[in-house]
Amino acid sequence: MSRKRYTPEFRIEAMKLIEAIGITKASIELGVTSKTLRTWSESTSSNGPKNSKDSKIAELEAELRRSKKRE
């Protein structure tokens, strides 16, 4: 069974949704496990403060810009 891949755009929107309604509700709405959302949240916060959602979103947006440059 292969792992599902999510686009950087999807991850950015997911982080914004988490900020608005929380991980549990966002996971139900998006059809993504809460563990996956927590992993994304933790991995994007490695370069900044652990609790800053704005920095997480900024990191995902930077990742999106980098991926678009590669195209």
N, C-alpha and C. Protein backbone atom coordinates (compact mmCIF):
# COMPACT_ATOMS: atom_id res chain seq x y z
N MET A 1 0.83 -1.17 0.00
CA MET A 1 0.00 0.00 0.00
C MET A 1 0.89 1.25 0.00
N SER A 2 0.65 2.16 -0.91
CA SER A 2 1.49 3.35 -1.00
C SER A 2 0.94 4.48 -0.14
N ARG A 3 1.83 5.35 0.25
CA ARG A 3 1.44 6.50 1.07
C ARG A 3 0.85 7.58 0.19
N LYS A 4 -0.16 8.25 0.71
CA LYS A 4 -0.77 9.34 -0.03
C LYS A 4 0.10 10.57 0.11
N ARG A 5 0.28 11.28 -0.98
CA ARG A 5 1.08 12.51 -0.98
C ARG A 5 0.13 13.70 -1.04
N TYR A 6 0.46 14.73 -0.28
CA TYR A 6 -0.34 15.95 -0.24
C TYR A 6 0.49 17.11 -0.79
N THR A 7 -0.15 17.99 -1.54
CA THR A 7 0.54 19.13 -2.12
C THR A 7 0.86 20.16 -1.04
N PRO A 8 1.86 20.99 -1.27
CA PRO A 8 2.14 22.07 -0.32
C PRO A 8 0.94 22.98 -0.14
N GLU A 9 0.18 23.20 -1.20
CA GLU A 9 -1.02 24.05 -1.10
C GLU A 9 -2.02 23.45 -0.11
N PHE A 10 -2.21 22.13 -0.20
CA PHE A 10 -3.14 21.45 0.70
C PHE A 10 -2.66 21.58 2.14
N ARG A 11 -1.36 21.41 2.34
CA ARG A 11 -0.82 21.50 3.70
C ARG A 11 -0.98 22.91 4.27
N ILE A 12 -0.79 23.94 3.45
CA ILE A 12 -0.98 25.31 3.91
C ILE A 12 -2.42 25.53 4.34
N GLU A 13 -3.34 25.09 3.50
CA GLU A 13 -4.76 25.25 3.83
C GLU A 13 -5.12 24.44 5.08
N ALA A 14 -4.52 23.28 5.23
CA ALA A 14 -4.77 22.45 6.41
C ALA A 14 -4.30 23.17 7.68
N MET A 15 -3.12 23.80 7.61
CA MET A 15 -2.60 24.53 8.78
C MET A 15 -3.51 25.70 9.13
N LYS A 16 -4.02 26.38 8.13
CA LYS A 16 -4.94 27.49 8.38
C LYS A 16 -6.23 26.98 9.02
N LEU A 17 -6.71 25.83 8.55
CA LEU A 17 -7.92 25.25 9.11
C LEU A 17 -7.69 24.80 10.55
N ILE A 18 -6.53 24.24 10.83
CA ILE A 18 -6.19 23.84 12.21
C ILE A 18 -6.25 25.06 13.12
N GLU A 19 -5.70 26.16 12.64
CA GLU A 19 -5.71 27.39 13.43
C GLU A 19 -7.14 27.85 13.73
N ALA A 20 -8.02 27.66 12.76
CA ALA A 20 -9.39 28.13 12.91
C ALA A 20 -10.26 27.21 13.76
N ILE A 21 -10.14 25.88 13.55
CA ILE A 21 -11.09 24.98 14.22
C ILE A 21 -10.42 23.88 15.04
N GLY A 22 -9.11 23.78 15.02
CA GLY A 22 -8.42 22.77 15.82
C GLY A 22 -8.10 21.51 15.01
N ILE A 23 -7.17 20.73 15.53
CA ILE A 23 -6.67 19.56 14.82
C ILE A 23 -7.75 18.49 14.64
N THR A 24 -8.49 18.21 15.70
CA THR A 24 -9.48 17.13 15.62
C THR A 24 -10.54 17.40 14.57
N LYS A 25 -11.14 18.58 14.61
CA LYS A 25 -12.18 18.91 13.63
C LYS A 25 -11.60 19.02 12.23
N ALA A 26 -10.40 19.57 12.10
CA ALA A 26 -9.76 19.70 10.79
C ALA A 26 -9.48 18.32 10.20
N SER A 27 -9.05 17.38 11.02
CA SER A 27 -8.76 16.05 10.50
C SER A 27 -10.01 15.37 9.96
N ILE A 28 -11.13 15.58 10.65
CA ILE A 28 -12.40 15.01 10.17
C ILE A 28 -12.81 15.66 8.86
N GLU A 29 -12.74 16.99 8.82
CA GLU A 29 -13.16 17.72 7.62
C GLU A 29 -12.29 17.40 6.41
N LEU A 30 -10.99 17.24 6.63
CA LEU A 30 -10.06 17.02 5.53
C LEU A 30 -9.89 15.55 5.17
N GLY A 31 -10.28 14.66 6.06
CA GLY A 31 -10.07 13.24 5.81
C GLY A 31 -8.62 12.83 5.98
N VAL A 32 -7.93 13.53 6.86
CA VAL A 32 -6.52 13.26 7.15
C VAL A 32 -6.44 12.95 8.64
N THR A 33 -5.62 11.99 9.02
CA THR A 33 -5.55 11.65 10.43
C THR A 33 -4.99 12.81 11.25
N SER A 34 -5.42 12.87 12.50
CA SER A 34 -4.92 13.93 13.38
C SER A 34 -3.43 13.75 13.61
N LYS A 35 -2.94 12.52 13.59
CA LYS A 35 -1.50 12.28 13.75
C LYS A 35 -0.72 12.93 12.60
N THR A 36 -1.23 12.80 11.38
CA THR A 36 -0.58 13.41 10.22
C THR A 36 -0.54 14.93 10.38
N LEU A 37 -1.67 15.50 10.79
CA LEU A 37 -1.72 16.96 10.96
C LEU A 37 -0.75 17.42 12.05
N ARG A 38 -0.66 16.66 13.13
CA ARG A 38 0.29 17.01 14.20
C ARG A 38 1.73 16.93 13.70
N THR A 39 2.01 15.91 12.90
CA THR A 39 3.36 15.76 12.34
C THR A 39 3.71 16.95 11.47
N TRP A 40 2.78 17.35 10.61
CA TRP A 40 3.02 18.53 9.77
C TRP A 40 3.26 19.76 10.64
N SER A 41 2.45 19.91 11.65
CA SER A 41 2.55 21.06 12.53
C SER A 41 3.90 21.10 13.23
N GLU A 42 4.33 19.96 13.74
CA GLU A 42 5.62 19.88 14.43
C GLU A 42 6.80 20.07 13.48
N SER A 43 6.70 19.52 12.28
CA SER A 43 7.83 19.62 11.34
C SER A 43 8.01 21.04 10.82
N THR A 44 6.93 21.78 10.69
CA THR A 44 7.06 23.15 10.19
C THR A 44 7.48 24.11 11.28
N SER A 45 7.39 23.69 12.54
CA SER A 45 7.76 24.60 13.62
C SER A 45 9.22 24.44 14.04
N SER A 46 9.98 23.58 13.36
CA SER A 46 11.36 23.32 13.77
C SER A 46 12.27 24.53 13.59
N ASN A 47 11.91 25.46 12.70
CA ASN A 47 12.75 26.64 12.48
C ASN A 47 12.30 27.85 13.28
N GLY A 48 11.25 27.73 14.06
CA GLY A 48 10.74 28.87 14.79
C GLY A 48 10.15 28.46 16.11
N PRO A 49 9.43 29.37 16.73
CA PRO A 49 8.82 29.07 18.01
C PRO A 49 7.82 27.91 17.87
N LYS A 50 7.77 27.04 18.86
CA LYS A 50 6.94 25.85 18.79
C LYS A 50 5.45 26.16 18.68
N ASN A 51 4.98 27.24 19.29
CA ASN A 51 3.54 27.50 19.33
C ASN A 51 3.08 28.57 18.35
N SER A 52 3.93 29.04 17.48
CA SER A 52 3.55 30.10 16.56
C SER A 52 2.96 29.52 15.28
N LYS A 53 1.64 29.61 15.15
CA LYS A 53 0.98 29.08 13.96
C LYS A 53 1.35 29.91 12.73
N ASP A 54 1.56 31.21 12.91
CA ASP A 54 1.95 32.05 11.78
C ASP A 54 3.28 31.60 11.19
N SER A 55 4.23 31.22 12.04
CA SER A 55 5.52 30.77 11.53
C SER A 55 5.38 29.43 10.80
N LYS A 56 4.46 28.58 11.24
CA LYS A 56 4.23 27.30 10.57
C LYS A 56 3.68 27.54 9.17
N ILE A 57 2.71 28.43 9.08
CA ILE A 57 2.12 28.75 7.79
C ILE A 57 3.15 29.40 6.88
N ALA A 58 3.97 30.29 7.44
CA ALA A 58 5.01 30.95 6.65
C ALA A 58 6.00 29.92 6.11
N GLU A 59 6.35 28.93 6.92
CA GLU A 59 7.28 27.89 6.46
C GLU A 59 6.67 27.07 5.33
N LEU A 60 5.39 26.73 5.44
CA LEU A 60 4.73 25.98 4.36
C LEU A 60 4.64 26.82 3.09
N GLU A 61 4.38 28.11 3.24
CA GLU A 61 4.33 28.98 2.07
C GLU A 61 5.69 29.06 1.40
N ALA A 62 6.76 29.11 2.20
CA ALA A 62 8.11 29.13 1.65
C ALA A 62 8.40 27.83 0.91
N GLU A 63 7.94 26.71 1.48
CA GLU A 63 8.11 25.42 0.82
C GLU A 63 7.37 25.40 -0.52
N LEU A 64 6.20 25.98 -0.55
CA LEU A 64 5.43 26.06 -1.78
C LEU A 64 6.17 26.88 -2.84
N ARG A 65 6.72 28.03 -2.43
CA ARG A 65 7.47 28.86 -3.38
C ARG A 65 8.68 28.10 -3.93
N ARG A 66 9.38 27.37 -3.05
CA ARG A 66 10.54 26.59 -3.51
C ARG A 66 10.12 25.51 -4.51
N SER A 67 9.01 24.84 -4.24
CA SER A 67 8.57 23.79 -5.15
C SER A 67 8.14 24.35 -6.50
N LYS A 68 7.54 25.54 -6.50
CA LYS A 68 7.12 26.18 -7.76
C LYS A 68 8.34 26.60 -8.57
N LYS A 69 9.42 27.02 -7.90
CA LYS A 69 10.63 27.40 -8.62
C LYS A 69 11.25 26.21 -9.33
N ARG A 70 11.13 25.02 -8.72
CA ARG A 70 11.69 23.81 -9.30
C ARG A 70 10.93 23.36 -10.53
N GLU A 71 9.69 23.78 -10.69
CA GLU A 71 8.87 23.33 -11.82
C GLU A 71 9.28 23.96 -13.09
